[in-house]
Protein backbone atom coordinates (compact mmCIF):
# COMPACT_ATOMS: atom_id res chain seq x y z
CA MET A 1 -51.22 159.36 310.17
CA ARG A 2 -51.31 155.64 310.75
CA VAL A 3 -53.61 153.55 308.55
CA CYS A 4 -54.85 150.27 310.00
CA PRO A 5 -54.53 147.35 307.59
CA VAL A 6 -57.77 145.79 306.37
CA ARG A 7 -58.10 142.19 307.56
CA MET A 8 -59.74 140.56 304.58
CA SER A 9 -59.21 137.05 306.00
CA LEU A 10 -61.13 137.50 309.26
CA LEU A 11 -64.53 136.38 307.95
CA LYS A 12 -62.96 133.51 306.05
CA GLU A 13 -61.28 132.32 309.23
CA ALA A 14 -64.48 132.70 311.23
CA SER A 15 -66.81 130.97 308.77
CA PRO A 16 -65.00 129.08 306.01
CA ARG A 17 -68.24 127.42 304.85
CA LEU A 18 -69.51 130.81 303.78
CA TRP A 19 -66.92 130.80 301.02
CA SER A 20 -68.05 127.42 299.75
CA ILE A 21 -71.46 128.81 298.73
CA ARG A 22 -71.45 130.07 295.17
CA SER A 23 -73.26 133.27 294.30
CA SER A 24 -76.72 132.93 292.79
CA GLU A 25 -77.17 133.71 289.12
CA GLN A 26 -80.82 134.37 289.91
CA VAL A 27 -79.89 137.22 292.23
CA ALA A 28 -77.91 138.81 289.40
CA LEU A 29 -80.87 138.47 287.03
CA ALA A 30 -83.22 139.94 289.65
CA LYS A 31 -80.90 142.91 290.18
CA ARG A 32 -80.76 143.54 286.44
CA ALA A 33 -84.55 143.34 286.26
CA ALA A 34 -84.77 145.98 289.00
CA GLN A 35 -82.30 148.20 287.09
CA ILE A 36 -84.32 147.94 283.90
CA THR A 37 -87.50 148.80 285.82
CA ALA A 38 -85.80 151.91 287.20
CA GLU A 39 -84.62 152.86 283.71
CA LEU A 40 -88.13 152.54 282.30
CA GLN A 41 -89.46 154.73 285.10
CA GLN A 42 -86.84 157.34 284.19
CA GLY A 43 -88.03 157.40 280.59
CA VAL A 44 -85.49 155.12 278.93
CA THR A 45 -87.00 153.74 275.72
CA ARG A 46 -87.19 149.98 275.32
CA PRO A 47 -89.35 147.74 273.12
CA TYR A 48 -91.55 146.97 276.14
CA LYS A 49 -93.24 149.10 278.78
CA ASN A 50 -92.67 147.00 281.88
CA VAL A 51 -90.69 144.13 283.38
CA ILE A 52 -92.57 140.95 284.22
CA ASP A 53 -90.77 138.92 286.89
CA CYS A 54 -91.95 135.32 287.02
CA SER A 55 -88.73 133.93 288.47
CA TRP A 56 -89.79 133.91 292.12
CA GLY A 57 -92.19 131.51 293.81
CA ASP A 58 -94.20 134.39 295.24
CA PRO A 59 -97.92 134.32 294.35
CA HIS A 60 -98.68 137.84 295.58
CA ARG A 61 -95.68 139.32 293.78
CA GLY A 62 -97.03 137.55 290.70
CA GLY A 63 -100.37 139.35 291.02
CA LEU A 64 -102.61 136.84 292.82
CA LYS A 65 -104.69 138.51 295.50
CA PRO A 66 -104.59 137.67 299.23
CA LEU A 67 -107.57 135.82 300.68
CA THR A 68 -110.02 138.27 302.22
CA PHE A 69 -110.70 136.24 305.37
CA VAL A 70 -106.97 135.90 306.08
CA ARG A 71 -106.30 139.62 305.79
CA GLN A 72 -109.39 140.55 307.82
CA VAL A 73 -108.35 138.30 310.71
CA VAL A 74 -104.78 139.59 310.57
CA ALA A 75 -106.02 143.19 310.47
CA ALA A 76 -108.23 142.65 313.53
CA CYS A 77 -105.39 140.99 315.43
CA LEU A 78 -103.05 143.88 314.60
CA TYR A 79 -105.64 146.54 315.40
CA PRO A 80 -108.14 145.10 317.92
CA SER A 81 -110.21 148.30 317.88
CA LEU A 82 -111.75 146.91 314.69
CA LEU A 83 -113.48 144.34 316.89
CA ASN A 84 -115.54 147.13 318.45
CA SER A 85 -117.20 147.95 315.14
CA ASP A 86 -119.42 146.10 312.69
CA VAL A 87 -116.93 146.50 309.82
CA LEU A 88 -115.87 142.86 309.93
CA PRO A 89 -118.01 139.71 309.57
CA VAL A 90 -118.97 137.96 312.81
CA ASP A 91 -116.82 134.88 312.15
CA VAL A 92 -113.76 137.08 311.51
CA GLN A 93 -114.34 138.82 314.85
CA GLN A 94 -114.75 135.51 316.65
CA LYS A 95 -111.60 134.10 315.09
CA ALA A 96 -109.52 137.17 315.93
CA LYS A 97 -110.82 137.38 319.51
CA GLY A 98 -110.06 133.72 320.11
CA LEU A 99 -106.52 134.07 318.75
CA LEU A 100 -105.80 137.25 320.71
CA GLU A 101 -106.88 135.48 323.90
CA GLU A 102 -104.05 133.02 323.29
CA CYS A 103 -101.43 135.78 322.92
CA GLY A 104 -99.54 137.13 325.91
CA GLY A 105 -101.20 140.36 327.01
CA GLY A 106 -103.72 139.92 324.21
CA SER A 107 -101.15 141.24 321.72
CA VAL A 108 -99.54 139.75 318.62
CA GLY A 109 -96.41 141.64 319.67
CA SER A 110 -95.74 139.18 322.51
CA TYR A 111 -93.35 136.25 322.52
CA THR A 112 -94.87 132.78 322.24
CA SER A 113 -93.77 129.32 323.29
CA THR A 114 -90.83 127.84 321.37
CA ALA A 115 -93.02 125.43 319.40
CA GLY A 116 -95.68 128.07 318.81
CA ILE A 117 -98.89 129.21 320.49
CA PRO A 118 -100.22 125.96 322.07
CA LYS A 119 -103.73 126.41 320.66
CA ILE A 120 -102.33 126.89 317.15
CA VAL A 121 -99.99 123.91 317.49
CA GLN A 122 -103.08 121.91 318.47
CA SER A 123 -104.91 123.27 315.40
CA VAL A 124 -102.06 122.15 313.13
CA SER A 125 -102.14 118.73 314.79
CA GLU A 126 -105.88 118.45 314.11
CA PHE A 127 -105.33 119.55 310.50
CA ILE A 128 -102.76 116.79 309.96
CA SER A 129 -104.98 114.18 311.62
CA GLN A 130 -107.96 115.13 309.47
CA ARG A 131 -105.85 115.28 306.29
CA ASP A 132 -104.31 111.83 306.74
CA GLY A 133 -107.02 109.89 308.60
CA VAL A 134 -104.49 107.46 310.09
CA GLY A 135 -104.86 108.35 313.75
CA PRO A 136 -104.16 111.42 315.85
CA SER A 137 -101.14 113.62 315.31
CA SER A 138 -99.32 114.59 318.50
CA PRO A 139 -98.80 118.32 319.18
CA GLU A 140 -95.58 117.42 321.00
CA ASN A 141 -94.06 116.43 317.65
CA ILE A 142 -94.86 119.73 315.89
CA PHE A 143 -92.81 122.92 315.79
CA ILE A 144 -94.06 126.11 314.19
CA THR A 145 -91.31 128.14 312.51
CA SER A 146 -90.88 131.17 310.27
CA GLY A 147 -91.31 128.93 307.23
CA SER A 148 -90.35 125.58 305.75
CA GLN A 149 -86.91 126.88 304.80
CA ARG A 150 -86.16 127.66 308.45
CA SER A 151 -87.62 124.32 309.52
CA LEU A 152 -85.31 122.49 307.12
CA MET A 153 -82.31 124.43 308.41
CA MET A 154 -83.12 123.53 312.01
CA VAL A 155 -83.68 119.85 311.23
CA LEU A 156 -80.37 119.67 309.37
CA LYS A 157 -78.68 120.96 312.50
CA THR A 158 -79.98 117.95 314.42
CA PHE A 159 -78.05 115.33 312.48
CA VAL A 160 -75.41 116.93 310.24
CA LYS A 161 -72.07 116.42 311.97
CA ASN A 162 -69.60 119.27 311.79
CA GLU A 163 -66.63 117.38 313.20
CA GLY A 164 -64.44 114.60 311.84
CA SER A 165 -63.22 113.83 308.35
CA ILE A 166 -66.40 112.13 307.09
CA GLN A 167 -69.19 114.50 306.08
CA THR A 168 -72.85 113.73 306.69
CA GLY A 169 -74.51 113.11 303.32
CA VAL A 170 -78.07 113.92 302.28
CA LEU A 171 -79.59 112.53 299.08
CA SER A 172 -81.13 115.52 297.29
CA PRO A 173 -83.09 115.62 294.02
CA VAL A 174 -81.86 117.13 290.77
CA PRO A 175 -83.52 119.48 289.89
CA SER A 176 -84.20 120.76 293.39
CA TYR A 177 -84.91 123.68 295.68
CA PRO A 178 -81.54 125.48 295.64
CA TYR A 179 -81.72 126.99 299.10
CA PHE A 180 -81.87 123.54 300.68
CA ASN A 181 -78.52 122.70 299.15
CA MET A 182 -77.13 126.03 300.36
CA ALA A 183 -78.38 125.30 303.88
CA LEU A 184 -76.84 121.84 303.78
CA SER A 185 -73.51 123.30 302.70
CA MET A 186 -73.64 125.87 305.49
CA GLN A 187 -74.07 123.06 308.02
CA GLY A 188 -71.05 121.24 306.62
CA GLY A 189 -73.05 118.43 304.99
CA ALA A 190 -72.51 116.83 301.61
CA MET A 191 -75.14 116.82 298.90
CA VAL A 192 -75.61 113.41 297.27
CA PRO A 193 -77.48 114.29 294.05
CA TYR A 194 -80.04 111.89 292.58
CA HIS A 195 -81.55 112.73 289.20
CA LEU A 196 -85.28 112.71 288.59
CA CYS A 197 -86.22 111.08 285.28
CA GLU A 198 -87.29 113.95 283.03
CA GLU A 199 -88.37 111.71 280.15
CA GLN A 200 -90.93 110.06 282.46
CA GLY A 201 -92.39 113.25 283.91
CA TRP A 202 -89.63 113.83 286.47
CA GLU A 203 -90.31 110.50 288.15
CA LEU A 204 -88.32 109.54 291.23
CA LYS A 205 -86.61 106.20 290.58
CA VAL A 206 -85.51 103.99 293.47
CA ASP A 207 -82.83 102.45 291.23
CA GLU A 208 -81.29 105.92 290.94
CA LEU A 209 -81.44 106.37 294.72
CA SER A 210 -79.66 103.06 295.20
CA ARG A 211 -76.99 103.90 292.63
CA VAL A 212 -76.02 107.26 294.12
CA LEU A 213 -76.26 106.03 297.72
CA HIS A 214 -73.78 103.22 297.25
CA ALA A 215 -71.45 105.44 295.24
CA ALA A 216 -71.55 108.11 297.97
CA ARG A 217 -70.62 105.78 300.81
CA GLY A 218 -67.04 105.94 299.64
CA HIS A 219 -66.66 109.62 300.47
CA CYS A 220 -69.42 110.60 302.94
CA SER A 221 -71.86 109.10 305.43
CA PRO A 222 -75.38 109.35 303.93
CA MET A 223 -77.97 109.74 306.69
CA ALA A 224 -81.04 111.32 305.08
CA LEU A 225 -83.11 111.49 301.92
CA TYR A 226 -84.72 114.79 300.87
CA VAL A 227 -87.90 114.57 298.78
CA ILE A 228 -90.08 117.38 297.37
CA ASN A 229 -93.69 116.39 296.66
CA PRO A 230 -95.29 118.00 294.68
CA GLY A 231 -92.05 118.90 292.95
CA ASN A 232 -90.16 122.18 292.90
CA PRO A 233 -89.33 123.17 290.20
CA THR A 234 -90.49 120.09 288.33
CA GLY A 235 -94.23 119.92 289.08
CA GLN A 236 -94.54 116.15 289.43
CA VAL A 237 -96.87 114.54 291.97
CA GLN A 238 -95.81 111.22 293.46
CA SER A 239 -98.18 108.26 293.38
CA ARG A 240 -98.85 106.12 296.46
CA LYS A 241 -96.77 103.32 294.97
CA SER A 242 -93.84 105.64 294.36
CA ILE A 243 -94.02 106.85 297.97
CA GLU A 244 -94.21 103.28 299.24
CA ASP A 245 -91.11 102.37 297.24
CA VAL A 246 -89.20 105.33 298.67
CA ILE A 247 -90.25 104.45 302.23
CA ARG A 248 -89.08 100.84 301.78
CA PHE A 249 -85.78 102.09 300.42
CA ALA A 250 -85.33 104.46 303.38
CA ALA A 251 -86.13 101.63 305.80
CA GLU A 252 -83.68 99.22 304.18
CA GLU A 253 -80.89 101.78 304.03
CA LYS A 254 -81.69 103.36 307.43
CA LEU A 255 -82.17 106.86 306.04
CA PHE A 256 -84.04 109.70 307.73
CA LEU A 257 -86.77 111.09 305.45
CA LEU A 258 -87.00 114.86 304.93
CA VAL A 259 -90.26 115.44 303.07
CA ASP A 260 -90.99 118.90 301.68
CA GLU A 261 -94.77 119.02 301.15
CA VAL A 262 -95.36 122.77 300.91
CA TYR A 263 -97.21 122.45 297.58
CA GLN A 264 -99.73 119.91 298.87
CA ASP A 265 -102.68 122.22 298.10
CA SER A 266 -101.48 122.85 294.55
CA VAL A 267 -102.41 119.77 292.51
CA HIS A 268 -103.70 120.69 289.04
CA ASP A 269 -104.12 117.33 287.33
CA PRO A 270 -107.59 115.87 288.14
CA GLU A 271 -106.11 112.38 287.80
CA CYS A 272 -103.57 113.06 290.56
CA GLU A 273 -103.98 113.54 294.28
CA PHE A 274 -101.62 114.61 297.00
CA VAL A 275 -100.97 111.88 299.58
CA SER A 276 -98.66 112.68 302.45
CA TYR A 277 -95.67 110.48 303.23
CA LYS A 278 -96.94 110.13 306.77
CA LYS A 279 -100.28 108.75 305.60
CA VAL A 280 -98.63 106.21 303.30
CA LEU A 281 -96.15 105.25 306.02
CA PHE A 282 -98.91 104.50 308.53
CA LYS A 283 -101.03 102.70 305.93
CA MET A 284 -98.06 100.40 305.24
CA GLY A 285 -98.16 99.23 308.87
CA PRO A 286 -95.36 97.61 310.88
CA PRO A 287 -92.43 97.46 310.71
CA TYR A 288 -92.35 100.62 308.57
CA SER A 289 -94.95 102.64 310.48
CA SER A 290 -93.08 102.18 313.76
CA SER A 291 -89.48 102.49 312.57
CA VAL A 292 -89.02 104.87 309.63
CA GLU A 293 -88.06 108.32 310.93
CA LEU A 294 -89.61 111.24 309.12
CA ALA A 295 -89.83 115.02 309.20
CA SER A 296 -92.51 116.63 307.03
CA PHE A 297 -92.74 120.33 306.20
CA ASN A 298 -95.56 122.66 305.24
CA SER A 299 -95.91 126.42 304.82
CA ILE A 300 -98.34 129.33 304.34
CA SER A 301 -96.12 130.72 301.55
CA LYS A 302 -97.41 128.57 298.71
CA GLY A 303 -100.71 127.27 297.36
CA TYR A 304 -103.74 129.50 297.55
CA PHE A 305 -102.60 131.24 300.74
CA GLY A 306 -99.42 132.55 299.12
CA GLU A 307 -98.40 134.56 302.20
CA SER A 308 -94.67 134.39 301.45
CA GLY A 309 -93.80 137.60 303.28
CA LEU A 310 -95.66 136.91 306.53
CA ARG A 311 -93.52 133.83 307.24
CA GLY A 312 -95.11 130.78 308.78
CA GLY A 313 -94.63 127.04 308.51
CA TYR A 314 -94.28 123.90 310.57
CA VAL A 315 -92.38 120.65 310.80
CA GLU A 316 -93.85 117.43 312.19
CA PHE A 317 -91.53 114.68 313.41
CA VAL A 318 -92.57 111.04 313.17
CA ASN A 319 -90.98 108.11 315.04
CA LEU A 320 -88.23 110.12 316.70
CA ASP A 321 -86.86 108.79 319.98
CA PRO A 322 -88.35 110.77 322.92
CA ALA A 323 -84.84 111.47 324.21
CA VAL A 324 -83.91 112.96 320.83
CA MET A 325 -87.07 115.07 320.82
CA GLY A 326 -85.90 116.68 324.05
CA HIS A 327 -82.72 117.83 322.32
CA VAL A 328 -84.75 118.95 319.30
CA TYR A 329 -86.84 121.17 321.58
CA THR A 330 -83.68 122.69 323.02
CA LEU A 331 -82.33 123.36 319.54
CA PHE A 332 -85.55 125.00 318.35
CA SER A 333 -85.50 127.15 321.50
CA THR A 334 -82.53 129.04 320.07
CA ASP A 335 -85.00 130.71 317.68
CA THR A 336 -87.12 132.00 320.59
CA CYS A 337 -90.38 131.88 318.59
CA SER A 338 -91.75 132.26 315.09
CA PRO A 339 -93.60 135.41 313.90
CA VAL A 340 -97.05 135.53 315.46
CA LEU A 341 -98.83 136.68 312.30
CA GLY A 342 -97.52 133.62 310.49
CA GLN A 343 -98.82 131.45 313.32
CA ILE A 344 -102.24 133.08 313.02
CA ILE A 345 -102.40 132.28 309.31
CA LEU A 346 -101.39 128.68 310.04
CA ASP A 347 -104.40 128.49 312.34
CA ILE A 348 -106.61 129.72 309.50
CA MET A 349 -105.05 127.16 307.15
CA ALA A 350 -105.82 124.45 309.70
CA HIS A 351 -109.36 125.67 310.39
CA PRO A 352 -110.67 127.78 307.48
CA PRO A 353 -114.26 129.06 307.19
CA GLN A 354 -116.83 126.29 306.92
CA PRO A 355 -120.20 126.08 305.14
CA GLY A 356 -122.68 128.21 307.05
CA ASP A 357 -120.07 130.73 308.24
CA PRO A 358 -120.60 134.30 306.98
CA SER A 359 -117.17 134.37 305.30
CA TYR A 360 -117.43 130.94 303.66
CA PRO A 361 -118.96 131.99 300.29
CA THR A 362 -116.24 134.59 299.63
CA PHE A 363 -113.46 132.37 300.95
CA SER A 364 -114.48 129.33 298.93
CA GLU A 365 -114.91 131.37 295.75
CA GLU A 366 -111.48 133.00 296.13
CA VAL A 367 -109.82 129.63 296.73
CA ARG A 368 -111.61 128.11 293.75
CA ALA A 369 -110.55 131.01 291.50
CA ILE A 370 -106.88 130.70 292.51
CA LYS A 371 -106.85 126.94 291.98
CA ASN A 372 -108.52 127.34 288.58
CA THR A 373 -105.97 130.00 287.61
CA LEU A 374 -103.04 127.75 288.51
CA ALA A 375 -104.52 124.81 286.60
CA SER A 376 -105.30 126.98 283.58
CA ASN A 377 -101.80 128.49 283.54
CA ALA A 378 -100.21 125.05 283.80
CA HIS A 379 -102.26 123.86 280.83
CA ARG A 380 -101.48 126.95 278.75
CA ILE A 381 -97.74 126.64 279.34
CA GLN A 382 -97.77 123.01 278.26
CA THR A 383 -99.83 123.83 275.18
CA VAL A 384 -98.02 126.97 274.02
CA LEU A 385 -94.42 126.14 274.90
CA GLY A 386 -94.84 122.49 273.96
CA ALA A 387 -95.72 123.58 270.41
CA LEU A 388 -92.54 125.62 269.97
CA PRO A 389 -89.49 124.11 268.26
CA GLY A 390 -86.60 123.57 270.64
CA ILE A 391 -88.68 123.46 273.85
CA SER A 392 -90.03 120.41 275.64
CA VAL A 393 -92.35 120.58 278.64
CA GLN A 394 -93.18 117.72 280.98
CA PRO A 395 -96.71 117.63 282.48
CA ILE A 396 -97.16 120.18 285.27
CA LYS A 397 -99.27 118.16 287.68
CA GLY A 398 -98.69 120.21 290.82
CA GLY A 399 -96.71 123.00 292.46
CA ILE A 400 -96.42 126.54 291.15
CA PHE A 401 -93.60 126.22 288.62
CA ALA A 402 -92.96 125.13 285.06
CA PHE A 403 -89.48 123.83 284.22
CA PRO A 404 -89.30 123.47 280.43
CA GLN A 405 -86.16 122.21 278.74
CA VAL A 406 -84.72 124.63 276.19
CA HIS A 407 -82.57 123.20 273.42
CA ILE A 408 -79.98 125.95 272.98
CA PRO A 409 -78.13 126.06 269.61
CA PRO A 410 -74.34 125.38 269.67
CA ARG A 411 -73.54 128.92 268.52
CA ALA A 412 -75.45 130.36 271.47
CA ILE A 413 -73.68 127.94 273.84
CA GLN A 414 -70.34 129.12 272.47
CA GLN A 415 -71.28 132.78 272.90
CA ALA A 416 -72.41 132.07 276.46
CA LYS A 417 -69.06 130.43 277.17
CA GLU A 418 -67.21 133.45 275.80
CA ALA A 419 -69.32 135.68 278.07
CA GLY A 420 -68.55 133.50 281.09
CA MET A 421 -72.16 132.40 281.48
CA GLU A 422 -73.99 129.14 281.71
CA PRO A 423 -76.06 128.66 278.51
CA ASP A 424 -79.42 128.93 280.26
CA VAL A 425 -78.26 132.03 282.15
CA PHE A 426 -77.29 133.53 278.79
CA TYR A 427 -80.73 132.62 277.39
CA ALA A 428 -82.50 134.12 280.43
CA SER A 429 -80.33 137.25 280.27
CA CYS A 430 -81.11 137.82 276.60
CA LEU A 431 -84.80 137.21 277.28
CA LEU A 432 -84.77 139.83 280.04
CA GLU A 433 -82.91 142.47 278.02
CA GLU A 434 -84.96 142.03 274.86
CA THR A 435 -88.46 141.45 276.23
CA GLY A 436 -88.45 142.52 279.89
CA LEU A 437 -89.37 138.99 280.99
CA CYS A 438 -87.38 137.65 283.96
CA VAL A 439 -87.28 133.87 284.39
CA GLY A 440 -85.11 131.55 286.46
CA ALA A 441 -82.13 129.69 285.00
CA GLY A 442 -82.19 125.91 285.27
CA CYS A 443 -78.57 125.66 286.41
CA GLU A 444 -79.66 127.16 289.75
CA HIS A 445 -81.67 124.03 290.45
CA GLY A 446 -79.40 121.39 288.95
CA GLN A 447 -79.97 119.55 285.69
CA SER A 448 -78.56 116.63 283.75
CA GLU A 449 -75.35 117.35 281.87
CA GLY A 450 -75.98 118.74 278.41
CA THR A 451 -79.53 119.92 279.18
CA HIS A 452 -80.74 123.46 279.82
CA HIS A 453 -83.94 124.71 281.44
CA ILE A 454 -85.76 127.79 282.61
CA ARG A 455 -88.13 128.10 285.57
CA LEU A 456 -91.37 130.10 285.43
CA CYS A 457 -93.79 130.70 288.28
CA ILE A 458 -97.36 129.94 287.21
CA ALA A 459 -98.89 131.74 290.20
CA THR A 460 -100.05 134.82 288.33
CA PRO A 461 -103.36 136.03 286.86
CA THR A 462 -104.33 134.47 283.54
CA GLU A 463 -103.88 137.72 281.59
CA ASN A 464 -100.33 138.04 282.95
CA MET A 465 -99.53 134.49 281.91
CA GLU A 466 -100.74 135.17 278.39
CA GLU A 467 -98.37 138.15 278.16
CA VAL A 468 -95.54 135.99 279.55
CA LEU A 469 -96.16 133.33 276.92
CA THR A 470 -96.38 135.90 274.12
CA ARG A 471 -93.07 137.48 275.04
CA LEU A 472 -91.33 134.15 275.58
CA SER A 473 -92.62 132.60 272.34
CA THR A 474 -91.64 135.61 270.23
CA PHE A 475 -88.19 135.76 271.79
CA HIS A 476 -87.53 132.04 271.51
CA LEU A 477 -88.24 131.89 267.79
CA SER A 478 -86.00 134.93 267.25
CA PHE A 479 -83.27 133.39 269.41
CA LEU A 480 -83.30 130.16 267.41
CA SER A 481 -83.18 132.05 264.12
CA ARG A 482 -80.30 134.23 265.31
CA PHE A 483 -78.08 131.36 266.49
CA SER A 484 -79.02 128.56 264.09
């Protein structure tokens, strides 16, 4: 009997960039958390009754409830027979009917235009115009996608060159959103890391941008600057002046701005406000407002919507050449269309219930409760963890994460090295095994040499957060005592 040889090199030959992406430590921690959960369900005895996973940026997984109006509209669109009864409020019925009229065959199962259902693209355009107050936003510059992550991937494809010896470089923050760097690597681009200043609340410093840009020009061709505001995982919120400084820098250095603004509805500090890059750009006037190229991203996955699994987001292009926009449309056409349910929720985000609508009291109360929960959790994390020895926490002004620095004792660092782990992965692994609390490891997001962090999602009910803080505090003190 003849045995065919296994061709282990085929995939490597077909997609060599795949092999350049390192495996995620967070995936390993998540798998172990799932194993422990299964063991507990099978009756294995541990010093805790359940696993609490606060490593993902998933509000509903964390225990926050979906908005009633959103789910009612989605339910009616999925099952239009509900519109023939009086089960749903009148404004829900009107919203669902209007959206179904825009769908092919009156069904959410139909394909849509490449950029999205035209009425919903128009709604997003109106939302942006109202948010910024600097003139109308053009629907022709907006593409609805399956989420900001997909939008970023598609935009990278427009300018990252895959041929030649010089890689396209993108300045990316440290710490950052790790999947952006993975996407950049997959496209054959080079990450040019710039460090946020932790000691000053994770501030973005133009001097740092200038330093890394000029150093990078020796080995790649930097073309874009990626910014996350409010920060992930760092929770900072940029001031207008900071944004102005970044825009001037991008103009002087001829860099395309990639602005991730998915946490724009999650600002917890009453002394801070979210201001979009587009608004600041247009307020600055010529020559900046007419020359700086920009792509901004938003999503239904974060903030008080938290619909991570229903997939919906958009990208708006600013100041792109019309000829280039034609090619962008062709590129986005390769995705056929984004999920219709995600588009529907984007329409609700753009035009939510208003005062006087039947659903407004419930909607406004649910939104207020979620925002208060996020702000309360951010404050509690800063208070509780900030009081522990060996942990420092910068102010969490926005976003849905905390990113405290953990000062890991040398003996623990040595043991982590012997186990083949990064120190913060070792810390997170011990935390999971001993307390059932799953957090993210800072090395996944990038961090300054010699520092170690963990990432916690704050999008969870207050009682859950108190249990998280109890388990983490107890473990941390024990960990320090054990390895000191």
